[in-house]
């Protein structure tokens, strides 16, 4: 869990993913379209990926990926991120965290 918190706090936007997950891909694309360059950690390619996935589940991530952190705070998965985008607050969260500048 410490590794997750450490990685999540190193950059304004962080997404834990798996390379074969279509929802992870969609979430990353949304961030790119908004102008953010999130740190992406693909758990299926990380040496400690399985351990990190279990830690994400311990934080309440179900499914475990994608798991999105903005400003070091857990935001949620794809459903949560899309809800924030639809109501207009995702972009403001990214601006507040200095992940994008407008």
C-alpha atoms as a PDB file:
ATOM      1  CA  UNK A   1       0.000   0.000   0.000  1.00  0.00           C
ATOM      2  CA  UNK A   2       2.927   2.348   0.687  1.00  0.00           C
ATOM      3  CA  UNK A   3       4.195   1.838  -2.857  1.00  0.00           C
ATOM      4  CA  UNK A   4       0.785   2.830  -4.268  1.00  0.00           C
ATOM      5  CA  UNK A   5       0.634   5.981  -2.143  1.00  0.00           C
ATOM      6  CA  UNK A   6       4.227   6.856  -3.068  1.00  0.00           C
ATOM      7  CA  UNK A   7       3.604   6.499  -6.812  1.00  0.00           C
ATOM      8  CA  UNK A   8       0.222   8.266  -6.593  1.00  0.00           C
ATOM      9  CA  UNK A   9       1.805  11.311  -4.994  1.00  0.00           C
ATOM     10  CA  UNK A  10       4.726  11.682  -7.420  1.00  0.00           C
ATOM     11  CA  UNK A  11       2.727  13.226 -10.237  1.00  0.00           C
ATOM     12  CA  UNK A  12      -0.448  15.328 -10.463  1.00  0.00           C
ATOM     13  CA  UNK A  13      -2.345  12.568 -12.298  1.00  0.00           C
ATOM     14  CA  UNK A  14      -1.610   8.865 -11.919  1.00  0.00           C
ATOM     15  CA  UNK A  15      -3.429   5.906 -13.460  1.00  0.00           C
ATOM     16  CA  UNK A  16      -2.821   2.278 -12.525  1.00  0.00           C
ATOM     17  CA  UNK A  17      -3.791   0.084 -15.477  1.00  0.00           C
ATOM     18  CA  UNK A  18      -3.311  -3.197 -17.265  1.00  0.00           C
ATOM     19  CA  UNK A  19      -2.175  -3.184 -20.871  1.00  0.00           C
ATOM     20  CA  UNK A  20      -4.984  -5.486 -22.034  1.00  0.00           C
ATOM     21  CA  UNK A  21      -7.842  -3.567 -20.361  1.00  0.00           C
ATOM     22  CA  UNK A  22     -10.084  -1.600 -22.736  1.00  0.00           C
ATOM     23  CA  UNK A  23     -11.501   0.546 -19.913  1.00  0.00           C
ATOM     24  CA  UNK A  24      -7.946   1.450 -18.889  1.00  0.00           C
ATOM     25  CA  UNK A  25      -7.237   2.495 -22.464  1.00  0.00           C
ATOM     26  CA  UNK A  26     -10.379   4.655 -22.576  1.00  0.00           C
ATOM     27  CA  UNK A  27      -9.515   6.335 -19.286  1.00  0.00           C
ATOM     28  CA  UNK A  28      -5.982   7.129 -20.437  1.00  0.00           C
ATOM     29  CA  UNK A  29      -7.311   8.529 -23.734  1.00  0.00           C
ATOM     30  CA  UNK A  30      -9.719  10.818 -21.882  1.00  0.00           C
ATOM     31  CA  UNK A  31      -6.857  12.265 -19.842  1.00  0.00           C
ATOM     32  CA  UNK A  32      -4.745  12.764 -22.982  1.00  0.00           C
ATOM     33  CA  UNK A  33      -7.668  14.497 -24.739  1.00  0.00           C
ATOM     34  CA  UNK A  34      -8.020  16.859 -21.782  1.00  0.00           C
ATOM     35  CA  UNK A  35      -4.339  17.744 -22.119  1.00  0.00           C
ATOM     36  CA  UNK A  36      -3.018  15.790 -19.138  1.00  0.00           C
ATOM     37  CA  UNK A  37       0.016  13.532 -19.252  1.00  0.00           C
ATOM     38  CA  UNK A  38      -0.664  11.124 -16.402  1.00  0.00           C
ATOM     39  CA  UNK A  39       1.890   8.753 -14.987  1.00  0.00           C
ATOM     40  CA  UNK A  40       0.692   5.348 -16.141  1.00  0.00           C
ATOM     41  CA  UNK A  41       1.667   2.220 -14.247  1.00  0.00           C
ATOM     42  CA  UNK A  42       0.692  -0.958 -16.092  1.00  0.00           C
ATOM     43  CA  UNK A  43       0.458  -3.546 -13.370  1.00  0.00           C
ATOM     44  CA  UNK A  44       0.826  -6.490 -15.746  1.00  0.00           C
ATOM     45  CA  UNK A  45       4.247  -5.109 -16.697  1.00  0.00           C
ATOM     46  CA  UNK A  46       5.445  -4.130 -13.208  1.00  0.00           C
ATOM     47  CA  UNK A  47       7.678  -6.462 -11.221  1.00  0.00           C
ATOM     48  CA  UNK A  48       5.483  -5.974  -8.151  1.00  0.00           C
ATOM     49  CA  UNK A  49       2.271  -5.567 -10.133  1.00  0.00           C
ATOM     50  CA  UNK A  50       0.290  -8.322  -8.442  1.00  0.00           C
ATOM     51  CA  UNK A  51       1.165  -6.943  -5.012  1.00  0.00           C
ATOM     52  CA  UNK A  52       0.171  -3.452  -6.153  1.00  0.00           C
ATOM     53  CA  UNK A  53      -3.127  -4.766  -7.503  1.00  0.00           C
ATOM     54  CA  UNK A  54      -3.924  -6.320  -4.123  1.00  0.00           C
ATOM     55  CA  UNK A  55      -3.071  -3.010  -2.434  1.00  0.00           C
ATOM     56  CA  UNK A  56      -5.454  -1.178  -4.787  1.00  0.00           C
ATOM     57  CA  UNK A  57      -8.215  -3.615  -3.867  1.00  0.00           C
ATOM     58  CA  UNK A  58      -7.414  -2.850  -0.227  1.00  0.00           C
ATOM     59  CA  UNK A  59      -8.073   0.830  -0.962  1.00  0.00           C
ATOM     60  CA  UNK A  60     -11.508  -0.084  -2.296  1.00  0.00           C
ATOM     61  CA  UNK A  61     -10.726  -0.309  -6.005  1.00  0.00           C
ATOM     62  CA  UNK A  62     -13.108  -2.859  -7.455  1.00  0.00           C
ATOM     63  CA  UNK A  63     -12.247  -3.638 -10.177  1.00  0.00           C
ATOM     64  CA  UNK A  64      -8.633  -2.980  -9.318  1.00  0.00           C
ATOM     65  CA  UNK A  65      -7.902  -1.176 -12.600  1.00  0.00           C
ATOM     66  CA  UNK A  66      -8.088   1.436 -13.811  1.00  0.00           C
ATOM     67  CA  UNK A  67      -7.410   3.214 -10.547  1.00  0.00           C
ATOM     68  CA  UNK A  68      -7.110   6.978 -10.934  1.00  0.00           C
ATOM     69  CA  UNK A  69      -5.402   9.367  -8.546  1.00  0.00           C
ATOM     70  CA  UNK A  70      -5.459  13.145  -8.979  1.00  0.00           C
ATOM     71  CA  UNK A  71      -3.342  15.283  -6.697  1.00  0.00           C
ATOM     72  CA  UNK A  72      -2.446  12.167  -4.722  1.00  0.00           C
ATOM     73  CA  UNK A  73      -6.105  11.466  -3.913  1.00  0.00           C
ATOM     74  CA  UNK A  74      -7.911   8.342  -5.107  1.00  0.00           C
ATOM     75  CA  UNK A  75     -10.658   9.424  -7.509  1.00  0.00           C
ATOM     76  CA  UNK A  76     -11.974   6.029  -8.580  1.00  0.00           C
ATOM     77  CA  UNK A  77     -12.212   3.917 -11.684  1.00  0.00           C
ATOM     78  CA  UNK A  78     -13.613   4.525 -15.158  1.00  0.00           C
ATOM     79  CA  UNK A  79     -17.215   4.998 -14.014  1.00  0.00           C
ATOM     80  CA  UNK A  80     -16.187   7.595 -11.449  1.00  0.00           C
ATOM     81  CA  UNK A  81     -13.913   9.424 -13.874  1.00  0.00           C
ATOM     82  CA  UNK A  82     -16.580   9.552 -16.586  1.00  0.00           C
ATOM     83  CA  UNK A  83     -19.145  10.838 -14.075  1.00  0.00           C
ATOM     84  CA  UNK A  84     -16.725  13.601 -13.068  1.00  0.00           C
ATOM     85  CA  UNK A  85     -16.098  14.413 -16.718  1.00  0.00           C
ATOM     86  CA  UNK A  86     -19.812  14.578 -17.559  1.00  0.00           C
ATOM     87  CA  UNK A  87     -20.590  16.930 -14.665  1.00  0.00           C
ATOM     88  CA  UNK A  88     -17.595  19.110 -15.577  1.00  0.00           C
ATOM     89  CA  UNK A  89     -15.562  18.632 -12.419  1.00  0.00           C
ATOM     90  CA  UNK A  90     -12.809  16.367 -13.815  1.00  0.00           C
ATOM     91  CA  UNK A  91     -11.191  19.152 -15.798  1.00  0.00           C
ATOM     92  CA  UNK A  92     -11.258  21.459 -12.771  1.00  0.00           C
ATOM     93  CA  UNK A  93      -9.720  18.738 -10.594  1.00  0.00           C
ATOM     94  CA  UNK A  94      -6.905  18.368 -13.127  1.00  0.00           C
ATOM     95  CA  UNK A  95      -6.385  22.137 -13.204  1.00  0.00           C
ATOM     96  CA  UNK A  96      -6.360  22.356  -9.395  1.00  0.00           C
ATOM     97  CA  UNK A  97      -3.801  19.548  -9.203  1.00  0.00           C
ATOM     98  CA  UNK A  98      -1.684  21.268 -11.888  1.00  0.00           C
ATOM     99  CA  UNK A  99      -2.046  18.303 -14.245  1.00  0.00           C
ATOM    100  CA  UNK A 100      -3.251  20.711 -16.944  1.00  0.00           C
ATOM    101  CA  UNK A 101      -2.985  24.482 -17.293  1.00  0.00           C
ATOM    102  CA  UNK A 102      -5.740  26.712 -18.648  1.00  0.00           C
END
